Amino acid sequence: QLNADLTAAMQSGEAVQQGTWTVAEGKIVITFDGEAQSFQFVDNTLVSEANPEMVFVKQAAQENTEENGEENGEEDVEETVDE
């Protein structure tokens, strides 16, 4: 399940999409544009250690996809940046 979540996260953003990721010591290290960033899971949220405002929130699966008009699994991960 972790790999599926990470794959969804990788596909959700342009910058991350071009990156590679590895898992070490319970942390996820994502490298893009030659810069490695370390992330950690906190309550279903992927938090950047270097930039705590940069988080990836795992969205709850919506049971009724017909009402909201979204394809199932299309928007599972949302990037939020609070400035």
N, C-alpha and C. Protein backbone atom coordinates (compact mmCIF):
# COMPACT_ATOMS: atom_id res chain seq x y z
N GLN A 1 0.84 -1.21 0.00
CA GLN A 1 0.00 0.00 0.00
C GLN A 1 0.87 1.26 0.00
N LEU A 2 1.98 1.21 0.73
CA LEU A 2 2.87 2.37 0.78
C LEU A 2 3.38 2.72 -0.61
N ASN A 3 3.78 1.71 -1.38
CA ASN A 3 4.26 1.96 -2.73
C ASN A 3 3.19 2.58 -3.62
N ALA A 4 1.95 2.12 -3.47
CA ALA A 4 0.85 2.68 -4.26
C ALA A 4 0.63 4.14 -3.90
N ASP A 5 0.70 4.45 -2.60
CA ASP A 5 0.52 5.84 -2.16
C ASP A 5 1.64 6.72 -2.70
N LEU A 6 2.86 6.22 -2.64
CA LEU A 6 3.99 7.01 -3.13
C LEU A 6 3.91 7.20 -4.64
N THR A 7 3.48 6.18 -5.34
CA THR A 7 3.34 6.30 -6.79
C THR A 7 2.31 7.37 -7.13
N ALA A 8 1.21 7.38 -6.39
CA ALA A 8 0.18 8.41 -6.60
C ALA A 8 0.75 9.78 -6.30
N ALA A 9 1.55 9.88 -5.26
CA ALA A 9 2.15 11.16 -4.89
C ALA A 9 3.11 11.62 -5.98
N MET A 10 3.87 10.68 -6.53
CA MET A 10 4.83 11.04 -7.57
C MET A 10 4.13 11.56 -8.83
N GLN A 11 2.95 11.02 -9.12
CA GLN A 11 2.25 11.39 -10.34
C GLN A 11 1.43 12.66 -10.18
N SER A 12 1.35 13.19 -8.96
CA SER A 12 0.44 14.31 -8.73
C SER A 12 1.08 15.66 -9.03
N GLY A 13 2.41 15.74 -9.07
CA GLY A 13 3.05 17.04 -9.25
C GLY A 13 4.12 16.99 -10.32
N GLU A 14 4.25 18.08 -11.06
CA GLU A 14 5.21 18.13 -12.16
C GLU A 14 6.64 17.96 -11.66
N ALA A 15 7.01 18.69 -10.62
CA ALA A 15 8.39 18.65 -10.13
C ALA A 15 8.76 17.27 -9.60
N VAL A 16 7.87 16.71 -8.82
CA VAL A 16 8.14 15.41 -8.22
C VAL A 16 8.09 14.31 -9.28
N GLN A 17 7.30 14.54 -10.31
CA GLN A 17 7.13 13.55 -11.36
C GLN A 17 8.47 13.23 -12.03
N GLN A 18 9.37 14.20 -12.09
CA GLN A 18 10.65 14.02 -12.76
C GLN A 18 11.70 13.45 -11.81
N GLY A 19 11.30 13.15 -10.58
CA GLY A 19 12.26 12.74 -9.57
C GLY A 19 12.31 11.24 -9.37
N THR A 20 13.21 10.85 -8.49
CA THR A 20 13.31 9.47 -8.06
C THR A 20 13.19 9.46 -6.55
N TRP A 21 12.75 8.32 -6.00
CA TRP A 21 12.59 8.27 -4.55
C TRP A 21 13.09 6.95 -4.02
N THR A 22 13.58 7.00 -2.79
CA THR A 22 14.04 5.81 -2.10
C THR A 22 13.51 5.85 -0.67
N VAL A 23 13.41 4.70 -0.05
CA VAL A 23 12.96 4.63 1.33
C VAL A 23 14.12 4.13 2.18
N ALA A 24 14.48 4.90 3.21
CA ALA A 24 15.58 4.51 4.09
C ALA A 24 15.29 4.98 5.50
N GLU A 25 15.47 4.10 6.45
CA GLU A 25 15.30 4.43 7.87
C GLU A 25 13.93 5.04 8.15
N GLY A 26 12.90 4.53 7.50
CA GLY A 26 11.55 5.03 7.74
C GLY A 26 11.27 6.38 7.12
N LYS A 27 12.22 6.90 6.36
CA LYS A 27 12.02 8.18 5.69
C LYS A 27 12.00 7.96 4.19
N ILE A 28 11.35 8.86 3.49
CA ILE A 28 11.32 8.79 2.04
C ILE A 28 12.18 9.93 1.52
N VAL A 29 13.17 9.60 0.71
CA VAL A 29 14.04 10.62 0.14
C VAL A 29 13.67 10.77 -1.33
N ILE A 30 13.20 11.96 -1.69
CA ILE A 30 12.82 12.24 -3.08
C ILE A 30 13.87 13.17 -3.68
N THR A 31 14.43 12.77 -4.81
CA THR A 31 15.45 13.58 -5.46
C THR A 31 14.91 14.10 -6.79
N PHE A 32 14.85 15.42 -6.92
CA PHE A 32 14.48 16.00 -8.21
C PHE A 32 15.26 17.28 -8.42
N ASP A 33 15.59 17.55 -9.68
CA ASP A 33 16.48 18.66 -10.05
C ASP A 33 17.81 18.54 -9.31
N GLY A 34 18.27 17.31 -9.10
CA GLY A 34 19.55 17.09 -8.45
C GLY A 34 19.57 17.38 -6.96
N GLU A 35 18.42 17.67 -6.38
CA GLU A 35 18.35 18.03 -4.97
C GLU A 35 17.52 16.99 -4.22
N ALA A 36 18.15 16.39 -3.20
CA ALA A 36 17.45 15.37 -2.41
C ALA A 36 16.70 16.02 -1.27
N GLN A 37 15.45 15.61 -1.09
CA GLN A 37 14.66 16.10 0.04
C GLN A 37 14.13 14.91 0.81
N SER A 38 14.18 15.02 2.13
CA SER A 38 13.76 13.92 2.99
C SER A 38 12.35 14.19 3.50
N PHE A 39 11.50 13.17 3.42
CA PHE A 39 10.12 13.28 3.89
C PHE A 39 9.84 12.20 4.92
N GLN A 40 8.88 12.46 5.77
CA GLN A 40 8.50 11.50 6.79
C GLN A 40 6.98 11.46 6.88
N PHE A 41 6.42 10.25 7.10
CA PHE A 41 4.98 10.13 7.25
C PHE A 41 4.56 10.52 8.66
N VAL A 42 3.62 11.46 8.78
CA VAL A 42 3.04 11.84 10.06
C VAL A 42 1.52 11.85 9.88
N ASP A 43 0.84 10.89 10.48
CA ASP A 43 -0.63 10.83 10.39
C ASP A 43 -1.13 10.91 8.95
N ASN A 44 -0.66 10.01 8.09
CA ASN A 44 -1.08 9.97 6.68
C ASN A 44 -0.68 11.21 5.90
N THR A 45 0.27 11.98 6.43
CA THR A 45 0.75 13.17 5.74
C THR A 45 2.24 13.03 5.49
N LEU A 46 2.66 13.30 4.28
CA LEU A 46 4.08 13.25 3.94
C LEU A 46 4.66 14.64 4.16
N VAL A 47 5.54 14.77 5.15
CA VAL A 47 6.06 16.07 5.55
C VAL A 47 7.54 16.19 5.17
N SER A 48 7.89 17.31 4.54
CA SER A 48 9.29 17.58 4.21
C SER A 48 10.03 17.99 5.47
N GLU A 49 11.20 17.37 5.71
CA GLU A 49 11.97 17.71 6.90
C GLU A 49 12.62 19.08 6.76
N ALA A 50 13.08 19.41 5.56
CA ALA A 50 13.76 20.69 5.35
C ALA A 50 12.77 21.85 5.29
N ASN A 51 11.56 21.57 4.79
CA ASN A 51 10.57 22.63 4.62
C ASN A 51 9.22 22.11 5.14
N PRO A 52 8.96 22.26 6.46
CA PRO A 52 7.76 21.69 7.07
C PRO A 52 6.45 22.19 6.46
N GLU A 53 6.49 23.33 5.73
CA GLU A 53 5.27 23.82 5.10
C GLU A 53 4.92 22.98 3.87
N MET A 54 5.88 22.24 3.36
CA MET A 54 5.65 21.44 2.16
C MET A 54 5.18 20.06 2.58
N VAL A 55 3.89 19.81 2.42
CA VAL A 55 3.33 18.53 2.84
C VAL A 55 2.48 17.93 1.72
N PHE A 56 2.41 16.62 1.71
CA PHE A 56 1.51 15.91 0.81
C PHE A 56 0.49 15.20 1.68
N VAL A 57 -0.77 15.53 1.51
CA VAL A 57 -1.83 14.97 2.35
C VAL A 57 -2.51 13.84 1.61
N LYS A 58 -2.61 12.69 2.27
CA LYS A 58 -3.32 11.56 1.67
C LYS A 58 -4.81 11.80 1.83
N GLN A 59 -5.51 11.87 0.70
CA GLN A 59 -6.94 12.13 0.73
C GLN A 59 -7.71 10.86 1.04
N ALA A 60 -8.78 10.98 1.77
CA ALA A 60 -9.64 9.83 2.06
C ALA A 60 -10.32 9.38 0.77
N ALA A 61 -10.39 8.10 0.57
CA ALA A 61 -11.06 7.57 -0.62
C ALA A 61 -12.54 7.88 -0.56
N GLN A 62 -13.06 8.40 -1.66
CA GLN A 62 -14.47 8.76 -1.68
C GLN A 62 -15.27 7.60 -2.23
N GLU A 63 -16.28 7.17 -1.47
CA GLU A 63 -17.04 5.99 -1.86
C GLU A 63 -17.96 6.29 -3.03
N ASN A 64 -18.54 7.47 -3.08
CA ASN A 64 -19.50 7.79 -4.12
C ASN A 64 -18.85 8.73 -5.13
N THR A 65 -18.25 8.16 -6.18
CA THR A 65 -17.54 8.99 -7.15
C THR A 65 -18.48 9.57 -8.20
N GLU A 66 -19.69 9.05 -8.31
CA GLU A 66 -20.61 9.55 -9.33
C GLU A 66 -21.14 10.93 -8.98
N GLU A 67 -21.36 11.19 -7.70
CA GLU A 67 -21.94 12.47 -7.31
C GLU A 67 -20.97 13.62 -7.52
N ASN A 68 -19.68 13.41 -7.21
CA ASN A 68 -18.75 14.52 -7.35
C ASN A 68 -18.14 14.60 -8.74
N GLY A 69 -18.42 13.61 -9.59
CA GLY A 69 -18.00 13.68 -10.98
C GLY A 69 -16.53 13.41 -11.20
N GLU A 70 -15.80 12.97 -10.17
CA GLU A 70 -14.38 12.70 -10.35
C GLU A 70 -14.16 11.23 -10.64
N GLU A 71 -13.15 10.95 -11.45
CA GLU A 71 -12.78 9.56 -11.71
C GLU A 71 -12.14 9.00 -10.45
N ASN A 72 -12.38 7.74 -10.19
CA ASN A 72 -11.83 7.12 -9.00
C ASN A 72 -10.31 7.06 -9.09
N GLY A 73 -9.62 7.58 -8.06
CA GLY A 73 -8.17 7.52 -8.02
C GLY A 73 -7.48 8.61 -8.80
N GLU A 74 -8.25 9.53 -9.36
CA GLU A 74 -7.63 10.56 -10.19
C GLU A 74 -6.90 11.60 -9.35
N GLU A 75 -7.47 11.95 -8.22
CA GLU A 75 -6.89 13.01 -7.39
C GLU A 75 -6.77 12.50 -5.96
N ASP A 76 -5.85 11.56 -5.77
CA ASP A 76 -5.70 10.95 -4.45
C ASP A 76 -4.78 11.76 -3.54
N VAL A 77 -3.82 12.45 -4.12
CA VAL A 77 -2.84 13.17 -3.32
C VAL A 77 -2.89 14.64 -3.68
N GLU A 78 -2.91 15.47 -2.68
CA GLU A 78 -3.00 16.91 -2.91
C GLU A 78 -1.80 17.59 -2.26
N GLU A 79 -1.14 18.46 -3.02
CA GLU A 79 0.00 19.18 -2.46
C GLU A 79 -0.49 20.51 -1.90
N THR A 80 -0.15 20.75 -0.64
CA THR A 80 -0.55 22.01 -0.02
C THR A 80 0.69 22.74 0.45
N VAL A 81 0.77 24.02 0.12
CA VAL A 81 1.88 24.85 0.56
C VAL A 81 1.30 26.06 1.27
N ASP A 82 1.56 26.13 2.57
CA ASP A 82 1.08 27.27 3.35
C ASP A 82 2.19 28.29 3.45
N GLU A 83 1.92 29.49 3.01
CA GLU A 83 2.96 30.52 3.06
C GLU A 83 2.64 31.52 4.14
